[in-house]
């Protein structure tokens, strides 16, 4: 599996996946960085057969209405910020 991680998701996820041999690209690694429009993210993901990982509800709407991007992993974590999410530890 290959991933394209949207700007709302921390760059640390991309680095973690990359360090574990996963082909993952974060939007901040694209030429326009976090200014890359959603339709361009979807186009890149579809062209490179990547799964978009996002918290952006706009991608969900586009996925259901336009089937773009073709593959989507939507993360729903309420109103938690990335900073708060980073404070949680895997204690299971």
N, C-alpha and C. Protein backbone atom coordinates (compact mmCIF):
# COMPACT_ATOMS: atom_id res chain seq x y z
N UNK A 1 0.84 -1.18 0.00
CA UNK A 1 0.00 0.00 0.00
C UNK A 1 0.88 1.24 0.00
N UNK A 2 0.41 2.26 -0.68
CA UNK A 2 1.10 3.54 -0.72
C UNK A 2 0.13 4.63 -0.30
N UNK A 3 0.65 5.66 0.35
CA UNK A 3 -0.20 6.68 0.94
C UNK A 3 0.21 8.08 0.54
N UNK A 4 -0.77 8.98 0.51
CA UNK A 4 -0.56 10.41 0.39
C UNK A 4 -1.29 11.03 1.57
N UNK A 5 -0.54 11.65 2.46
CA UNK A 5 -1.08 12.14 3.73
C UNK A 5 -1.36 13.63 3.61
N UNK A 6 -2.59 14.00 3.92
CA UNK A 6 -3.05 15.38 3.81
C UNK A 6 -2.46 16.26 4.92
N UNK A 7 -2.53 17.56 4.71
CA UNK A 7 -1.93 18.54 5.62
C UNK A 7 -2.51 18.50 7.03
N UNK A 8 -3.77 18.08 7.19
CA UNK A 8 -4.37 18.05 8.51
C UNK A 8 -3.81 16.93 9.39
N UNK A 9 -3.11 16.03 8.78
CA UNK A 9 -2.48 14.93 9.51
C UNK A 9 -1.00 15.29 9.70
N UNK A 10 -0.50 15.04 10.87
CA UNK A 10 0.87 15.41 11.19
C UNK A 10 1.89 14.74 10.28
N UNK A 11 2.95 15.49 9.97
CA UNK A 11 4.06 14.98 9.17
C UNK A 11 4.74 13.81 9.86
N UNK A 12 4.60 13.74 11.19
CA UNK A 12 5.21 12.64 11.95
C UNK A 12 4.68 11.28 11.51
N UNK A 13 3.43 11.23 11.07
CA UNK A 13 2.89 9.95 10.59
C UNK A 13 3.64 9.52 9.33
N UNK A 14 3.88 10.44 8.43
CA UNK A 14 4.63 10.10 7.21
C UNK A 14 6.02 9.61 7.56
N UNK A 15 6.69 10.32 8.47
CA UNK A 15 8.04 9.91 8.87
C UNK A 15 8.02 8.53 9.52
N UNK A 16 7.02 8.26 10.35
CA UNK A 16 6.91 6.96 11.01
C UNK A 16 6.71 5.86 9.97
N UNK A 17 5.78 6.07 9.05
CA UNK A 17 5.52 5.07 8.01
C UNK A 17 6.76 4.85 7.15
N UNK A 18 7.40 5.95 6.74
CA UNK A 18 8.60 5.85 5.91
C UNK A 18 9.71 5.08 6.62
N UNK A 19 9.87 5.33 7.92
CA UNK A 19 10.93 4.64 8.67
C UNK A 19 10.65 3.16 8.84
N UNK A 20 9.40 2.77 8.58
CA UNK A 20 9.04 1.35 8.66
C UNK A 20 8.83 0.74 7.27
N UNK A 21 9.42 1.38 6.26
CA UNK A 21 9.41 0.82 4.92
C UNK A 21 8.15 1.02 4.12
N UNK A 22 7.25 1.86 4.59
CA UNK A 22 6.00 2.11 3.88
C UNK A 22 6.19 3.29 2.93
N UNK A 23 5.67 3.18 1.73
CA UNK A 23 5.74 4.26 0.75
C UNK A 23 4.66 5.29 1.10
N UNK A 24 5.07 6.35 1.76
CA UNK A 24 4.15 7.39 2.20
C UNK A 24 4.73 8.76 1.86
N UNK A 25 3.89 9.63 1.34
CA UNK A 25 4.28 10.99 1.01
C UNK A 25 3.33 11.92 1.75
N UNK A 26 3.89 12.94 2.38
CA UNK A 26 3.07 13.95 3.05
C UNK A 26 2.92 15.14 2.11
N UNK A 27 1.80 15.81 2.18
CA UNK A 27 1.55 16.99 1.36
C UNK A 27 2.69 18.00 1.48
N UNK A 28 3.31 18.10 2.64
CA UNK A 28 4.41 19.04 2.84
C UNK A 28 5.64 18.68 2.00
N UNK A 29 5.65 17.48 1.41
CA UNK A 29 6.74 17.07 0.54
C UNK A 29 6.44 17.36 -0.94
N UNK A 30 5.25 17.88 -1.20
CA UNK A 30 4.88 18.26 -2.57
C UNK A 30 5.35 19.69 -2.85
N UNK A 31 5.48 20.07 -4.10
CA UNK A 31 5.98 21.41 -4.43
C UNK A 31 5.19 22.56 -3.78
N UNK A 32 3.86 22.45 -3.75
CA UNK A 32 3.03 23.51 -3.17
C UNK A 32 2.77 23.33 -1.68
N UNK A 33 3.33 22.27 -1.11
CA UNK A 33 3.19 21.95 0.31
C UNK A 33 1.73 22.03 0.75
N UNK A 34 1.44 22.71 1.86
CA UNK A 34 0.06 22.74 2.38
C UNK A 34 -0.86 23.65 1.57
N UNK A 35 -0.35 24.26 0.52
CA UNK A 35 -1.17 25.08 -0.39
C UNK A 35 -1.68 24.24 -1.57
N UNK A 36 -1.34 22.95 -1.59
CA UNK A 36 -1.79 22.07 -2.66
C UNK A 36 -3.31 21.91 -2.56
N UNK A 37 -4.04 22.25 -3.62
CA UNK A 37 -5.50 22.12 -3.57
C UNK A 37 -5.94 20.66 -3.47
N UNK A 38 -7.09 20.45 -2.88
CA UNK A 38 -7.62 19.10 -2.70
C UNK A 38 -7.72 18.34 -4.03
N UNK A 39 -8.18 19.02 -5.08
CA UNK A 39 -8.32 18.31 -6.36
C UNK A 39 -6.97 17.84 -6.89
N UNK A 40 -5.90 18.59 -6.60
CA UNK A 40 -4.56 18.19 -7.03
C UNK A 40 -4.05 17.02 -6.18
N UNK A 41 -4.36 17.03 -4.90
CA UNK A 41 -4.01 15.91 -4.02
C UNK A 41 -4.69 14.64 -4.52
N UNK A 42 -5.97 14.76 -4.85
CA UNK A 42 -6.72 13.61 -5.37
C UNK A 42 -6.13 13.13 -6.69
N UNK A 43 -5.77 14.06 -7.57
CA UNK A 43 -5.20 13.69 -8.87
C UNK A 43 -3.87 12.95 -8.70
N UNK A 44 -3.01 13.49 -7.82
CA UNK A 44 -1.72 12.84 -7.57
C UNK A 44 -1.93 11.44 -6.99
N UNK A 45 -2.82 11.35 -6.02
CA UNK A 45 -3.10 10.05 -5.39
C UNK A 45 -3.62 9.04 -6.42
N UNK A 46 -4.54 9.47 -7.26
CA UNK A 46 -5.10 8.56 -8.25
C UNK A 46 -4.06 8.16 -9.29
N UNK A 47 -3.24 9.11 -9.73
CA UNK A 47 -2.20 8.84 -10.72
C UNK A 47 -1.16 7.87 -10.18
N UNK A 48 -0.81 8.03 -8.89
CA UNK A 48 0.23 7.20 -8.28
C UNK A 48 -0.35 6.02 -7.50
N UNK A 49 -1.66 5.81 -7.61
CA UNK A 49 -2.35 4.72 -6.92
C UNK A 49 -2.08 4.76 -5.41
N UNK A 50 -2.24 5.95 -4.82
CA UNK A 50 -2.04 6.15 -3.38
C UNK A 50 -3.38 6.29 -2.67
N UNK A 51 -3.39 5.92 -1.42
CA UNK A 51 -4.55 6.12 -0.56
C UNK A 51 -4.36 7.45 0.16
N UNK A 52 -5.34 8.34 0.04
CA UNK A 52 -5.28 9.61 0.75
C UNK A 52 -5.69 9.38 2.20
N UNK A 53 -4.84 9.83 3.13
CA UNK A 53 -5.17 9.80 4.55
C UNK A 53 -5.47 11.23 4.96
N UNK A 54 -6.64 11.46 5.53
CA UNK A 54 -7.05 12.82 5.85
C UNK A 54 -8.03 12.87 7.01
N UNK A 55 -8.16 14.07 7.57
CA UNK A 55 -9.23 14.38 8.54
C UNK A 55 -10.20 15.38 7.92
N UNK A 56 -9.97 15.73 6.65
CA UNK A 56 -10.73 16.76 5.95
C UNK A 56 -12.02 16.17 5.37
N UNK A 57 -13.14 16.63 5.89
CA UNK A 57 -14.46 16.13 5.46
C UNK A 57 -14.72 16.41 3.97
N UNK A 58 -14.07 17.43 3.41
CA UNK A 58 -14.25 17.72 1.99
C UNK A 58 -13.85 16.54 1.11
N UNK A 59 -12.83 15.80 1.53
CA UNK A 59 -12.41 14.63 0.77
C UNK A 59 -13.49 13.54 0.81
N UNK A 60 -14.18 13.43 1.92
CA UNK A 60 -15.26 12.43 2.02
C UNK A 60 -16.36 12.78 1.02
N UNK A 61 -16.74 14.05 0.99
CA UNK A 61 -17.78 14.48 0.05
C UNK A 61 -17.35 14.23 -1.39
N UNK A 62 -16.12 14.58 -1.72
CA UNK A 62 -15.60 14.37 -3.07
C UNK A 62 -15.55 12.88 -3.41
N UNK A 63 -15.18 12.06 -2.43
CA UNK A 63 -15.10 10.62 -2.63
C UNK A 63 -16.48 10.05 -2.99
N UNK A 64 -17.51 10.46 -2.27
CA UNK A 64 -18.85 9.92 -2.53
C UNK A 64 -19.50 10.51 -3.77
N UNK A 65 -19.25 11.79 -4.04
CA UNK A 65 -19.91 12.44 -5.16
C UNK A 65 -19.16 12.22 -6.47
N UNK A 66 -17.84 12.39 -6.47
CA UNK A 66 -17.04 12.33 -7.69
C UNK A 66 -16.19 11.07 -7.81
N UNK A 67 -16.14 10.30 -6.74
CA UNK A 67 -15.25 9.11 -6.67
C UNK A 67 -13.79 9.52 -6.82
N UNK A 68 -13.46 10.69 -6.26
CA UNK A 68 -12.09 11.20 -6.25
C UNK A 68 -11.76 11.68 -4.86
N UNK A 69 -10.71 11.23 -4.28
CA UNK A 69 -9.77 10.25 -4.80
C UNK A 69 -10.41 8.86 -4.83
N UNK A 70 -9.79 7.97 -5.55
CA UNK A 70 -10.33 6.61 -5.68
C UNK A 70 -10.24 5.84 -4.38
N UNK A 71 -9.21 6.15 -3.56
CA UNK A 71 -9.00 5.45 -2.30
C UNK A 71 -8.83 6.49 -1.18
N UNK A 72 -9.55 6.29 -0.09
CA UNK A 72 -9.54 7.29 0.97
C UNK A 72 -9.57 6.61 2.34
N UNK A 73 -8.73 7.10 3.23
CA UNK A 73 -8.76 6.69 4.63
C UNK A 73 -9.07 7.95 5.42
N UNK A 74 -10.30 8.05 5.89
CA UNK A 74 -10.76 9.23 6.63
C UNK A 74 -10.62 8.96 8.12
N UNK A 75 -9.90 9.83 8.79
CA UNK A 75 -9.69 9.69 10.23
C UNK A 75 -10.60 10.68 10.94
N UNK A 76 -11.45 10.17 11.77
CA UNK A 76 -12.37 11.01 12.54
C UNK A 76 -11.98 10.93 14.01
N UNK A 77 -11.57 12.06 14.53
CA UNK A 77 -11.16 12.06 15.94
C UNK A 77 -11.77 13.26 16.67
N UNK A 78 -12.97 13.62 16.27
CA UNK A 78 -13.65 14.72 16.93
C UNK A 78 -12.91 16.02 16.74
N UNK A 79 -12.87 16.81 17.78
CA UNK A 79 -12.23 18.12 17.71
C UNK A 79 -10.80 18.09 18.24
N UNK A 80 -10.20 16.93 18.30
CA UNK A 80 -8.83 16.84 18.81
C UNK A 80 -7.85 17.45 17.82
N UNK A 81 -6.94 18.22 18.34
CA UNK A 81 -5.87 18.78 17.51
C UNK A 81 -4.74 17.76 17.41
N UNK A 82 -3.84 17.96 16.45
CA UNK A 82 -2.68 17.08 16.34
C UNK A 82 -1.86 17.11 17.62
N UNK A 83 -1.76 18.29 18.25
CA UNK A 83 -0.99 18.42 19.49
C UNK A 83 -1.57 17.51 20.58
N UNK A 84 -2.87 17.49 20.71
CA UNK A 84 -3.51 16.63 21.71
C UNK A 84 -3.32 15.16 21.36
N UNK A 85 -3.47 14.83 20.09
CA UNK A 85 -3.30 13.44 19.66
C UNK A 85 -1.90 12.93 20.00
N UNK A 86 -0.89 13.80 19.85
CA UNK A 86 0.49 13.41 20.15
C UNK A 86 0.71 13.11 21.62
N UNK A 87 -0.16 13.59 22.49
CA UNK A 87 0.05 13.37 23.92
C UNK A 87 -0.37 11.96 24.34
N UNK A 88 -1.17 11.29 23.50
CA UNK A 88 -1.59 9.94 23.83
C UNK A 88 -0.46 8.94 23.58
N UNK A 89 -0.37 7.97 24.41
CA UNK A 89 0.65 6.94 24.27
C UNK A 89 -0.05 5.59 24.09
N UNK A 90 0.62 4.70 23.40
CA UNK A 90 0.11 3.35 23.24
C UNK A 90 0.39 2.59 24.53
N UNK A 91 -0.61 2.49 25.38
CA UNK A 91 -0.42 1.86 26.69
C UNK A 91 -1.19 0.56 26.81
N UNK A 92 -1.55 -0.03 25.71
CA UNK A 92 -2.34 -1.26 25.75
C UNK A 92 -1.45 -2.48 25.75
